[in-house]
């Protein structure tokens, strides 16, 4: 059962010739075969090409050549990251047959690092959602309870890692789309600072908010993947030309003297009392590790959701205008003239949530409403960012709950506004451009609960250090309960034989 190991452990085993890359990939796909019908994590599987890449890694080992840290390690990527020759759909009908003609920068860097891309993961259509229910392809399930959502929009990435189908995965985070599903599925997820990871080849939702980031089962694994994908890229005008340190180098478990801020505005009435208790326990545990706990205030936090749901749809309405049926993707079967073709293609190709956000975005950008909504939202965004800058003059890290509740049932009839508020604790980091890390902190009613660590811009090293220290002292990784049913089926088959 190689799939149970972390990327760090697997790399050590490969280098020591205790396993082969081909054995690892076969083990992973055996696991996928047994669990994918339950979880629905993927939109595309690449077993044949993955085995070819694994053979190359084994040949390199046989020649006595040194392996890179992630060489031979299976990785999945979210289906909004372009990869050459692969279907890249953003889980939307309008791109159902689109095949990538180039590699996104993160994909290129994964390949250069020797990581083996095994699949593309399911997601909410164009990354718009908190459940994966808006996917045109399928609903993904939470490995801790198959009746519940894995979160979104990177729900497939989270369920695949949390369900032990893949070792590492890449997600994208516009308002919490890495961190919320990480919390729901009991894994680690990092949203890097805006500009730290290239967005070239990422299908844009909201260009000033989107950020690609790593997801895994340990902070060290996430840091190792971050090492590979981060850094300046001349193909991305928003990419920052800054030094990329080795983010695994300083994970020593020592956070004595680190100042951790606790913002009162995140402990709101809508927060599940049990999650509040898990978060408070985590704060006490950080104290035991030697951190100094500092009460702080982020007074404009309450305006973050409203600000986000003006800015993000406005940018989405602009970005998604390119999908019109003219050059690529879906085109309506019958129409009368080009205007009718646009209308029918977009009406048939986009799902309800995408249409809703395009309409909201178009409205707030329209004449007469731009100043009242969009311009005002940008001013409030600046105030939210100022709050964080002021707070980070006093503290090194800010600790908050990751989500207001645990994973909810896929059948729950939540209104769009209720779903939008699922991201209430994660949105401020995107508006401010700062990094955020979610790590498992416990369980409520047998469902995972995560805490969020926020850091200064381009200071991912500190939140990774804090998260790693907490993980080593207090987090015990568990295999989700649906594993028991998988093993039971396997045992029955054995007894029949």
Protein backbone atom coordinates (compact mmCIF):
# COMPACT_ATOMS: atom_id res chain seq x y z
CA UNK A 1 0.00 0.00 0.00
CA UNK A 2 2.42 2.61 -1.23
CA UNK A 3 -0.39 5.14 -1.64
CA UNK A 4 -0.44 5.62 2.16
CA UNK A 5 3.01 7.22 2.19
CA UNK A 6 3.82 10.90 1.92
CA UNK A 7 5.82 12.28 -0.99
CA UNK A 8 8.83 12.73 1.27
CA UNK A 9 8.70 9.09 2.36
CA UNK A 10 8.20 7.85 -1.20
CA UNK A 11 11.15 9.89 -2.47
CA UNK A 12 13.37 8.34 0.21
CA UNK A 13 12.16 4.85 -0.73
CA UNK A 14 12.80 5.45 -4.43
CA UNK A 15 16.32 6.75 -3.79
CA UNK A 16 17.07 3.76 -1.56
CA UNK A 17 15.77 1.41 -4.30
CA UNK A 18 13.22 -0.07 -1.90
CA UNK A 19 10.50 0.53 -4.51
CA UNK A 20 10.39 1.38 -8.20
CA UNK A 21 8.52 4.26 -9.79
CA UNK A 22 6.53 1.80 -11.90
CA UNK A 23 5.44 -0.08 -8.76
CA UNK A 24 4.35 3.22 -7.22
CA UNK A 25 2.31 4.33 -10.21
CA UNK A 26 0.66 0.90 -10.53
CA UNK A 27 -0.20 1.00 -6.82
CA UNK A 28 -1.73 4.47 -7.18
CA UNK A 29 -3.86 3.45 -10.16
CA UNK A 30 -4.95 0.29 -8.36
CA UNK A 31 -6.13 2.53 -5.55
CA UNK A 32 -7.92 4.83 -8.02
CA UNK A 33 -9.63 1.86 -9.66
CA UNK A 34 -11.03 0.77 -6.30
CA UNK A 35 -12.13 4.21 -5.09
CA UNK A 36 -12.91 6.51 -8.01
CA UNK A 37 -16.48 5.28 -8.44
CA UNK A 38 -17.07 6.40 -4.84
CA UNK A 39 -15.20 9.72 -4.86
CA UNK A 40 -15.46 11.07 -8.41
CA UNK A 41 -12.24 13.04 -8.04
CA UNK A 42 -11.00 13.11 -11.63
CA UNK A 43 -11.93 14.39 -15.07
CA UNK A 44 -9.00 12.72 -16.85
CA UNK A 45 -6.68 9.82 -15.98
CA UNK A 46 -3.25 9.44 -17.62
CA UNK A 47 -2.14 5.94 -16.66
CA UNK A 48 -0.34 5.11 -19.91
CA UNK A 49 1.78 8.27 -20.02
CA UNK A 50 2.37 8.06 -16.25
CA UNK A 51 3.83 4.56 -16.58
CA UNK A 52 6.06 5.74 -19.43
CA UNK A 53 7.40 8.55 -17.23
CA UNK A 54 7.85 6.11 -14.35
CA UNK A 55 10.00 3.84 -16.53
CA UNK A 56 12.28 6.78 -17.29
CA UNK A 57 12.68 7.46 -13.58
CA UNK A 58 13.55 3.81 -12.93
CA UNK A 59 16.11 3.90 -15.73
CA UNK A 60 17.67 6.97 -14.14
CA UNK A 61 17.85 5.17 -10.78
CA UNK A 62 19.44 2.15 -12.47
CA UNK A 63 22.15 4.40 -13.93
CA UNK A 64 22.96 5.63 -10.45
CA UNK A 65 21.86 9.19 -11.14
CA UNK A 66 20.56 11.35 -8.31
CA UNK A 67 16.83 11.99 -8.16
CA UNK A 68 15.25 15.39 -7.66
CA UNK A 69 12.99 15.71 -4.56
CA UNK A 70 9.71 15.07 -6.42
CA UNK A 71 11.06 12.87 -9.18
CA UNK A 72 8.83 9.83 -9.65
CA UNK A 73 6.13 11.20 -7.31
CA UNK A 74 2.51 11.10 -8.59
CA UNK A 75 0.83 14.50 -8.83
CA UNK A 76 -2.62 15.53 -10.09
CA UNK A 77 -3.53 18.95 -11.47
CA UNK A 78 -6.81 20.82 -11.42
CA UNK A 79 -8.69 20.81 -14.70
CA UNK A 80 -8.26 24.55 -15.25
CA UNK A 81 -4.51 24.25 -15.87
CA UNK A 82 -3.58 23.74 -19.52
CA UNK A 83 -1.40 20.78 -20.43
CA UNK A 84 -0.33 20.00 -23.95
CA UNK A 85 -2.29 17.24 -25.65
CA UNK A 86 -4.71 16.78 -22.73
CA UNK A 87 -8.36 17.69 -22.41
CA UNK A 88 -8.57 20.84 -20.29
CA UNK A 89 -12.21 21.67 -19.64
CA UNK A 90 -12.55 23.72 -16.44
CA UNK A 91 -15.38 21.21 -15.86
CA UNK A 92 -17.53 23.18 -18.31
CA UNK A 93 -19.59 22.08 -21.31
CA UNK A 94 -18.30 25.06 -23.25
CA UNK A 95 -14.80 23.52 -23.17
CA UNK A 96 -15.82 19.85 -23.17
CA UNK A 97 -13.62 19.02 -26.18
CA UNK A 98 -10.80 21.54 -25.71
CA UNK A 99 -7.31 20.03 -25.94
CA UNK A 100 -4.36 22.02 -24.60
CA UNK A 101 -1.79 23.18 -27.14
CA UNK A 102 0.87 24.18 -24.58
CA UNK A 103 1.85 23.53 -20.97
CA UNK A 104 0.98 25.96 -18.20
CA UNK A 105 4.11 27.14 -16.40
CA UNK A 106 3.32 25.04 -13.32
CA UNK A 107 2.85 21.96 -15.52
CA UNK A 108 6.13 22.64 -17.28
CA UNK A 109 7.93 22.98 -13.95
CA UNK A 110 6.42 19.75 -12.64
CA UNK A 111 7.66 17.90 -15.70
CA UNK A 112 11.13 19.45 -15.39
CA UNK A 113 11.22 18.34 -11.75
CA UNK A 114 10.44 14.75 -12.76
CA UNK A 115 7.05 14.64 -11.01
CA UNK A 116 4.60 12.32 -12.75
CA UNK A 117 1.29 13.92 -13.69
CA UNK A 118 -1.28 11.15 -13.37
CA UNK A 119 -4.61 12.96 -13.72
CA UNK A 120 -6.69 16.10 -13.88
CA UNK A 121 -9.06 16.72 -11.01
CA UNK A 122 -12.73 17.65 -10.95
CA UNK A 123 -13.79 21.15 -9.95
CA UNK A 124 -16.64 23.62 -9.89
CA UNK A 125 -17.20 25.00 -13.39
CA UNK A 126 -14.57 27.68 -14.06
CA UNK A 127 -13.70 27.49 -10.34
CA UNK A 128 -17.01 29.12 -9.37
CA UNK A 129 -18.39 27.33 -6.36
CA UNK A 130 -17.74 25.73 -2.97
CA UNK A 131 -18.99 22.18 -3.61
CA UNK A 132 -17.95 20.81 -7.08
CA UNK A 133 -21.71 20.54 -7.73
CA UNK A 134 -21.45 23.05 -10.56
CA UNK A 135 -19.09 20.73 -12.48
CA UNK A 136 -20.44 19.72 -15.88
CA UNK A 137 -18.75 16.31 -15.49
CA UNK A 138 -19.69 14.91 -12.08
CA UNK A 139 -20.02 15.62 -8.35
CA UNK A 140 -17.01 14.82 -6.21
CA UNK A 141 -17.54 13.32 -2.75
CA UNK A 142 -15.88 13.87 0.60
CA UNK A 143 -13.78 10.82 1.58
CA UNK A 144 -14.88 11.24 5.21
CA UNK A 145 -18.57 11.01 4.32
CA UNK A 146 -19.62 10.18 0.77
CA UNK A 147 -22.90 12.07 1.22
CA UNK A 148 -21.02 15.30 1.84
CA UNK A 149 -19.17 17.78 -0.33
CA UNK A 150 -15.36 17.81 -0.50
CA UNK A 151 -15.64 21.59 -0.87
CA UNK A 152 -14.73 23.64 -3.89
CA UNK A 153 -13.76 24.75 -6.28
CA UNK A 154 -10.71 22.45 -5.89
CA UNK A 155 -12.94 19.69 -4.53
CA UNK A 156 -11.59 16.96 -6.78
CA UNK A 157 -8.02 17.84 -5.82
CA UNK A 158 -8.92 17.67 -2.13
CA UNK A 159 -10.89 14.41 -2.37
CA UNK A 160 -8.11 12.76 -4.39
CA UNK A 161 -5.47 13.64 -1.79
CA UNK A 162 -7.74 13.07 1.22
CA UNK A 163 -8.93 9.78 -0.27
CA UNK A 164 -5.35 8.59 -0.85
CA UNK A 165 -5.79 8.43 -4.62
CA UNK A 166 -2.77 10.63 -5.28
CA UNK A 167 0.10 11.92 -3.18
CA UNK A 168 0.01 15.60 -4.17
CA UNK A 169 -2.25 17.86 -6.17
CA UNK A 170 -2.38 21.40 -7.51
CA UNK A 171 -5.45 23.53 -6.92
CA UNK A 172 -6.32 27.14 -7.58
CA UNK A 173 -7.62 29.60 -5.00
CA UNK A 174 -9.70 32.68 -5.85
CA UNK A 175 -11.58 33.11 -2.59
CA UNK A 176 -10.67 29.98 -0.64
CA UNK A 177 -10.84 27.25 -3.28
CA UNK A 178 -7.73 25.48 -1.98
CA UNK A 179 -8.16 26.14 1.72
CA UNK A 180 -11.86 25.38 2.20
CA UNK A 181 -11.72 21.92 0.54
CA UNK A 182 -8.45 21.20 2.37
CA UNK A 183 -10.25 21.86 5.65
CA UNK A 184 -13.27 19.75 4.63
CA UNK A 185 -11.11 16.78 3.56
CA UNK A 186 -8.55 16.86 6.38
CA UNK A 187 -5.48 17.74 4.31
CA UNK A 188 -2.98 20.59 3.97
CA UNK A 189 -3.55 23.37 1.43
CA UNK A 190 -1.50 26.48 0.68
CA UNK A 191 -2.61 29.63 -1.14
CA UNK A 192 0.66 31.41 -1.92
CA UNK A 193 1.11 35.17 -2.09
CA UNK A 194 -0.37 36.68 -5.24
CA UNK A 195 2.45 36.80 -7.79
CA UNK A 196 4.53 34.04 -6.20
CA UNK A 197 3.30 31.29 -8.59
CA UNK A 198 2.81 31.91 -12.29
CA UNK A 199 -0.77 31.99 -13.56
CA UNK A 200 0.31 31.45 -17.18
CA UNK A 201 -1.84 28.61 -18.49
CA UNK A 202 -4.41 28.89 -15.70
CA UNK A 203 -7.89 29.50 -17.07
CA UNK A 204 -8.78 32.81 -15.46
CA UNK A 205 -11.75 33.34 -13.18
CA UNK A 206 -10.79 36.62 -11.45
CA UNK A 207 -7.31 37.65 -12.53
CA UNK A 208 -6.45 39.84 -9.52
CA UNK A 209 -7.44 37.08 -7.08
CA UNK A 210 -6.56 33.71 -8.69
CA UNK A 211 -3.53 31.84 -7.38
CA UNK A 212 -2.28 28.30 -7.97
CA UNK A 213 -1.16 26.39 -4.90
CA UNK A 214 -0.18 22.94 -3.58
CA UNK A 215 -2.29 20.43 -1.66
CA UNK A 216 -0.96 17.40 0.21
CA UNK A 217 -1.11 15.31 3.37
CA UNK A 218 1.76 17.00 5.18
CA UNK A 219 3.19 20.50 5.41
CA UNK A 220 6.58 19.21 4.28
CA UNK A 221 5.05 17.70 1.13
CA UNK A 222 3.22 20.94 0.37
CA UNK A 223 6.45 22.91 0.87
CA UNK A 224 8.32 20.56 -1.48
CA UNK A 225 5.68 21.01 -4.20
CA UNK A 226 5.70 24.77 -3.63
CA UNK A 227 9.47 24.74 -4.19
CA UNK A 228 8.87 23.36 -7.67
CA UNK A 229 5.99 25.52 -8.90
CA UNK A 230 6.95 28.88 -7.41
CA UNK A 231 9.17 31.63 -8.77
CA UNK A 232 9.28 34.33 -11.40
CA UNK A 233 7.88 33.70 -14.86
CA UNK A 234 8.31 36.19 -17.68
CA UNK A 235 5.12 34.81 -19.28
CA UNK A 236 3.03 36.23 -16.41
CA UNK A 237 2.96 40.01 -16.07
CA UNK A 238 1.86 39.72 -12.42
CA UNK A 239 4.70 37.36 -11.48
CA UNK A 240 7.12 38.85 -8.94
CA UNK A 241 10.85 38.58 -9.54
CA UNK A 242 11.84 37.52 -6.04
CA UNK A 243 14.16 34.87 -4.64
CA UNK A 244 12.56 31.48 -3.99
CA UNK A 245 14.05 29.98 -0.83
CA UNK A 246 13.93 26.26 -0.07
CA UNK A 247 10.69 26.13 1.88
CA UNK A 248 11.51 22.70 3.33
CA UNK A 249 14.79 23.86 4.86
CA UNK A 250 13.41 25.58 7.96
CA UNK A 251 10.79 23.06 9.10
CA UNK A 252 12.46 22.28 12.40
CA UNK A 253 9.47 22.34 14.75
CA UNK A 254 10.80 25.32 16.70
CA UNK A 255 8.41 28.28 16.89
CA UNK A 256 9.36 29.59 20.34
CA UNK A 257 8.82 33.33 20.48
CA UNK A 258 6.72 33.45 17.30
CA UNK A 259 3.89 35.96 17.69
CA UNK A 260 0.51 34.64 16.57
CA UNK A 261 -2.36 37.09 16.23
CA UNK A 262 -5.96 36.10 16.97
CA UNK A 263 -8.48 38.43 15.27
CA UNK A 264 -11.72 38.81 17.21
CA UNK A 265 -13.67 39.44 14.00
CA UNK A 266 -13.23 35.80 12.90
CA UNK A 267 -15.07 34.42 15.93
CA UNK A 268 -18.51 35.43 14.73
CA UNK A 269 -22.00 34.26 15.73
CA UNK A 270 -22.27 32.03 12.64
CA UNK A 271 -19.20 30.01 13.65
CA UNK A 272 -20.06 26.43 14.66
CA UNK A 273 -19.38 26.30 18.46
CA UNK A 274 -17.58 22.99 18.07
CA UNK A 275 -15.26 24.45 15.43
CA UNK A 276 -14.67 27.41 17.72
CA UNK A 277 -13.62 24.95 20.44
CA UNK A 278 -11.22 23.14 18.05
CA UNK A 279 -9.70 26.50 17.08
CA UNK A 280 -9.34 27.57 20.71
CA UNK A 281 -7.66 24.24 21.50
CA UNK A 282 -5.26 24.85 18.63
CA UNK A 283 -4.42 28.28 20.06
CA UNK A 284 -3.60 26.65 23.40
CA UNK A 285 -1.44 24.08 21.64
CA UNK A 286 0.51 26.81 19.90
CA UNK A 287 1.09 28.34 23.33
CA UNK A 288 2.52 25.02 24.50
CA UNK A 289 4.90 25.09 21.54
CA UNK A 290 6.26 28.42 22.76
CA UNK A 291 4.34 30.85 20.58
CA UNK A 292 3.12 34.15 21.99
CA UNK A 293 -0.61 34.70 21.46
CA UNK A 294 -1.59 38.31 20.69
CA UNK A 295 -5.21 39.56 20.39
CA UNK A 296 -5.61 41.71 17.26
CA UNK A 297 -8.37 43.40 15.29
CA UNK A 298 -9.14 43.34 11.57
CA UNK A 299 -12.10 45.75 11.61
CA UNK A 300 -12.98 45.63 7.92
CA UNK A 301 -13.26 41.83 7.78
CA UNK A 302 -17.07 41.98 7.79
CA UNK A 303 -17.04 43.73 4.41
CA UNK A 304 -14.84 41.10 2.71
CA UNK A 305 -17.60 38.83 1.28
CA UNK A 306 -19.57 41.72 -0.23
CA UNK A 307 -16.37 43.22 -1.65
CA UNK A 308 -15.28 39.90 -3.12
CA UNK A 309 -18.65 39.16 -4.71
CA UNK A 310 -18.48 42.45 -6.58
CA UNK A 311 -14.86 42.28 -7.73
CA UNK A 312 -14.69 38.56 -8.61
CA UNK A 313 -17.83 38.47 -10.82
CA UNK A 314 -16.77 41.71 -12.50
CA UNK A 315 -13.45 40.16 -13.51
CA UNK A 316 -15.16 36.90 -14.44
CA UNK A 317 -17.58 38.64 -16.80
CA UNK A 318 -14.59 40.12 -18.60
CA UNK A 319 -12.49 36.94 -18.63
CA UNK A 320 -15.26 34.64 -19.79
CA UNK A 321 -16.20 36.88 -22.70
CA UNK A 322 -13.56 35.00 -24.72
CA UNK A 323 -15.65 31.82 -24.66
CA UNK A 324 -18.04 32.53 -27.50
CA UNK A 325 -17.96 29.50 -29.82
CA UNK A 326 -15.95 31.27 -32.53
CA UNK A 327 -12.39 29.91 -32.20
CA UNK A 328 -12.55 26.86 -29.94
CA UNK A 329 -14.77 24.93 -27.57
CA UNK A 330 -18.49 24.29 -27.78
CA UNK A 331 -20.66 25.97 -30.43
CA UNK A 332 -24.47 25.81 -30.59
CA UNK A 333 -25.78 23.41 -33.22
CA UNK A 334 -28.23 25.79 -34.88
CA UNK A 335 -28.42 29.57 -34.90
CA UNK A 336 -29.46 32.48 -37.07
CA UNK A 337 -26.54 34.88 -37.48
CA UNK A 338 -23.50 35.59 -35.34
CA UNK A 339 -25.33 37.33 -32.50
CA UNK A 340 -27.72 34.39 -32.15
CA UNK A 341 -24.71 32.05 -32.23
CA UNK A 342 -23.10 33.94 -29.32
CA UNK A 343 -26.31 33.88 -27.29
CA UNK A 344 -27.12 30.21 -27.84
CA UNK A 345 -23.51 29.02 -27.41
CA UNK A 346 -23.07 30.81 -24.10
CA UNK A 347 -26.57 29.93 -22.90
CA UNK A 348 -26.04 26.23 -23.64
CA UNK A 349 -22.35 26.07 -22.76
CA UNK A 350 -22.27 27.76 -19.36
CA UNK A 351 -23.91 26.36 -16.24
CA UNK A 352 -26.24 28.28 -13.88
CA UNK A 353 -23.58 29.46 -11.41
CA UNK A 354 -21.28 30.76 -14.14
CA UNK A 355 -24.20 32.60 -15.78
CA UNK A 356 -25.17 34.09 -12.42
CA UNK A 357 -21.70 35.49 -11.83
CA UNK A 358 -21.33 36.80 -15.37
CA UNK A 359 -24.63 38.65 -14.98
CA UNK A 360 -23.63 40.10 -11.60
CA UNK A 361 -20.26 41.16 -12.98
CA UNK A 362 -21.72 42.76 -16.07
CA UNK A 363 -24.22 44.65 -13.93
CA UNK A 364 -21.64 46.14 -11.51
CA UNK A 365 -19.45 47.23 -14.42
CA UNK A 366 -22.27 48.79 -16.41
CA UNK A 367 -22.72 52.54 -16.90
CA UNK A 368 -24.29 54.14 -13.84
CA UNK A 369 -23.27 51.34 -11.48
CA UNK A 370 -19.48 51.19 -11.84
CA UNK A 371 -18.83 53.94 -9.27
CA UNK A 372 -21.56 52.74 -6.92
CA UNK A 373 -20.33 49.14 -6.78
CA UNK A 374 -17.03 48.23 -8.42
CA UNK A 375 -15.10 51.40 -7.61
CA UNK A 376 -16.35 51.37 -4.02
CA UNK A 377 -15.45 47.69 -3.65
CA UNK A 378 -11.88 48.43 -4.74
CA UNK A 379 -11.63 51.12 -2.06
CA UNK A 380 -12.86 48.72 0.60
CA UNK A 381 -10.37 46.13 -0.67
CA UNK A 382 -7.61 48.62 0.11
CA UNK A 383 -8.95 49.06 3.65
CA UNK A 384 -8.95 45.29 4.19
CA UNK A 385 -5.35 45.11 2.99
CA UNK A 386 -4.42 48.00 5.31
CA UNK A 387 -5.85 46.05 8.25
CA UNK A 388 -3.52 43.15 7.55
CA UNK A 389 -0.48 45.37 7.05
CA UNK A 390 -1.14 47.04 10.39
CA UNK A 391 -1.63 43.69 12.13
CA UNK A 392 1.60 42.28 10.72
CA UNK A 393 3.49 45.12 12.37
CA UNK A 394 2.60 43.41 15.64
CA UNK A 395 2.56 39.68 14.83
CA UNK A 396 4.30 37.10 12.62
CA UNK A 397 1.26 34.93 11.84
CA UNK A 398 -2.52 35.30 12.11
CA UNK A 399 -4.55 32.24 13.19
CA UNK A 400 -8.24 31.87 12.32
CA UNK A 401 -10.83 29.14 11.76
CA UNK A 402 -10.71 27.91 8.16
CA UNK A 403 -14.46 27.49 7.68
CA UNK A 404 -17.57 28.43 9.70
CA UNK A 405 -18.85 24.85 9.64
CA UNK A 406 -17.89 21.31 8.69
CA UNK A 407 -18.55 19.77 5.30
CA UNK A 408 -22.26 19.86 4.50
CA UNK A 409 -24.39 17.33 2.64
CA UNK A 410 -24.51 17.46 -1.13
CA UNK A 411 -28.29 17.38 -0.89
CA UNK A 412 -28.50 20.43 1.38
CA UNK A 413 -30.57 23.16 -0.30
CA UNK A 414 -28.30 26.14 0.32
CA UNK A 415 -29.03 29.45 -1.37
CA UNK A 416 -26.28 31.10 -3.46
CA UNK A 417 -25.72 33.63 -0.66
CA UNK A 418 -25.35 30.85 1.95
CA UNK A 419 -22.81 29.14 -0.29
CA UNK A 420 -20.94 32.40 -0.82
CA UNK A 421 -20.62 32.81 2.95
CA UNK A 422 -18.80 29.45 3.18
CA UNK A 423 -15.70 31.41 2.15
CA UNK A 424 -16.09 34.14 4.74
CA UNK A 425 -12.81 33.30 6.52
CA UNK A 426 -10.72 32.68 3.40
CA UNK A 427 -11.75 35.58 1.14
CA UNK A 428 -9.77 38.33 2.95
CA UNK A 429 -6.44 36.71 2.07
CA UNK A 430 -7.25 36.82 -1.65
CA UNK A 431 -8.39 40.43 -1.48
CA UNK A 432 -5.12 41.30 0.30
CA UNK A 433 -2.87 39.04 -1.77
CA UNK A 434 -1.31 37.45 1.32
CA UNK A 435 -0.49 33.73 1.78
CA UNK A 436 -2.76 31.37 3.70
CA UNK A 437 -2.17 27.82 4.91
CA UNK A 438 -4.84 25.40 6.15
CA UNK A 439 -3.83 22.42 8.26
CA UNK A 440 -5.95 19.75 10.00
CA UNK A 441 -6.64 20.56 13.67
CA UNK A 442 -9.16 17.96 14.75
CA UNK A 443 -12.59 16.55 14.00
CA UNK A 444 -16.17 17.52 14.78
CA UNK A 445 -18.82 14.80 14.48
CA UNK A 446 -16.20 12.63 12.73
CA UNK A 447 -15.60 15.29 10.08
CA UNK A 448 -12.25 17.07 9.65
CA UNK A 449 -11.76 20.63 10.87
CA UNK A 450 -8.96 22.89 9.70
CA UNK A 451 -7.33 26.02 11.05
CA UNK A 452 -5.93 28.78 8.87
CA UNK A 453 -2.55 30.48 9.25
CA UNK A 454 -2.14 33.78 7.40
CA UNK A 455 1.24 35.39 6.76
CA UNK A 456 2.86 38.54 5.46
CA UNK A 457 3.14 38.91 1.69
CA UNK A 458 5.86 36.58 0.34
CA UNK A 459 6.49 35.14 3.81
CA UNK A 460 5.16 31.65 3.17
CA UNK A 461 8.19 30.32 5.04
CA UNK A 462 6.84 31.47 8.42
CA UNK A 463 3.34 30.01 8.07
CA UNK A 464 4.80 26.75 6.75
CA UNK A 465 7.16 26.64 9.73
CA UNK A 466 4.28 27.24 12.15
CA UNK A 467 2.04 24.71 10.43
CA UNK A 468 4.77 22.08 10.36
CA UNK A 469 5.50 22.54 14.07
CA UNK A 470 1.83 22.12 14.94
CA UNK A 471 1.45 19.11 12.65
CA UNK A 472 4.46 17.31 14.13
CA UNK A 473 3.24 17.87 17.68
CA UNK A 474 -0.51 17.44 17.39
CA UNK A 475 -1.71 16.05 14.05
CA UNK A 476 -2.12 12.35 13.45
CA UNK A 477 -3.03 11.55 9.85
CA UNK A 478 -5.91 9.13 9.51
CA UNK A 479 -7.36 7.24 6.57
CA UNK A 480 -11.00 8.30 6.08
CA UNK A 481 -13.79 5.93 6.96
CA UNK A 482 -14.78 5.04 3.42
CA UNK A 483 -11.48 3.11 3.34
CA UNK A 484 -13.09 0.52 5.59
CA UNK A 485 -15.77 -0.25 3.01
CA UNK A 486 -13.10 -0.54 0.30
CA UNK A 487 -11.08 -3.00 2.39
CA UNK A 488 -14.22 -4.94 3.29
CA UNK A 489 -15.03 -5.46 -0.39
CA UNK A 490 -11.44 -6.51 -1.02
CA UNK A 491 -11.55 -9.04 1.86
CA UNK A 492 -14.87 -10.50 0.64
CA UNK A 493 -13.39 -11.01 -2.82
CA UNK A 494 -10.41 -12.79 -1.28
CA UNK A 495 -12.63 -15.12 0.76
CA UNK A 496 -14.71 -15.98 -2.31
CA UNK A 497 -11.56 -16.98 -4.17
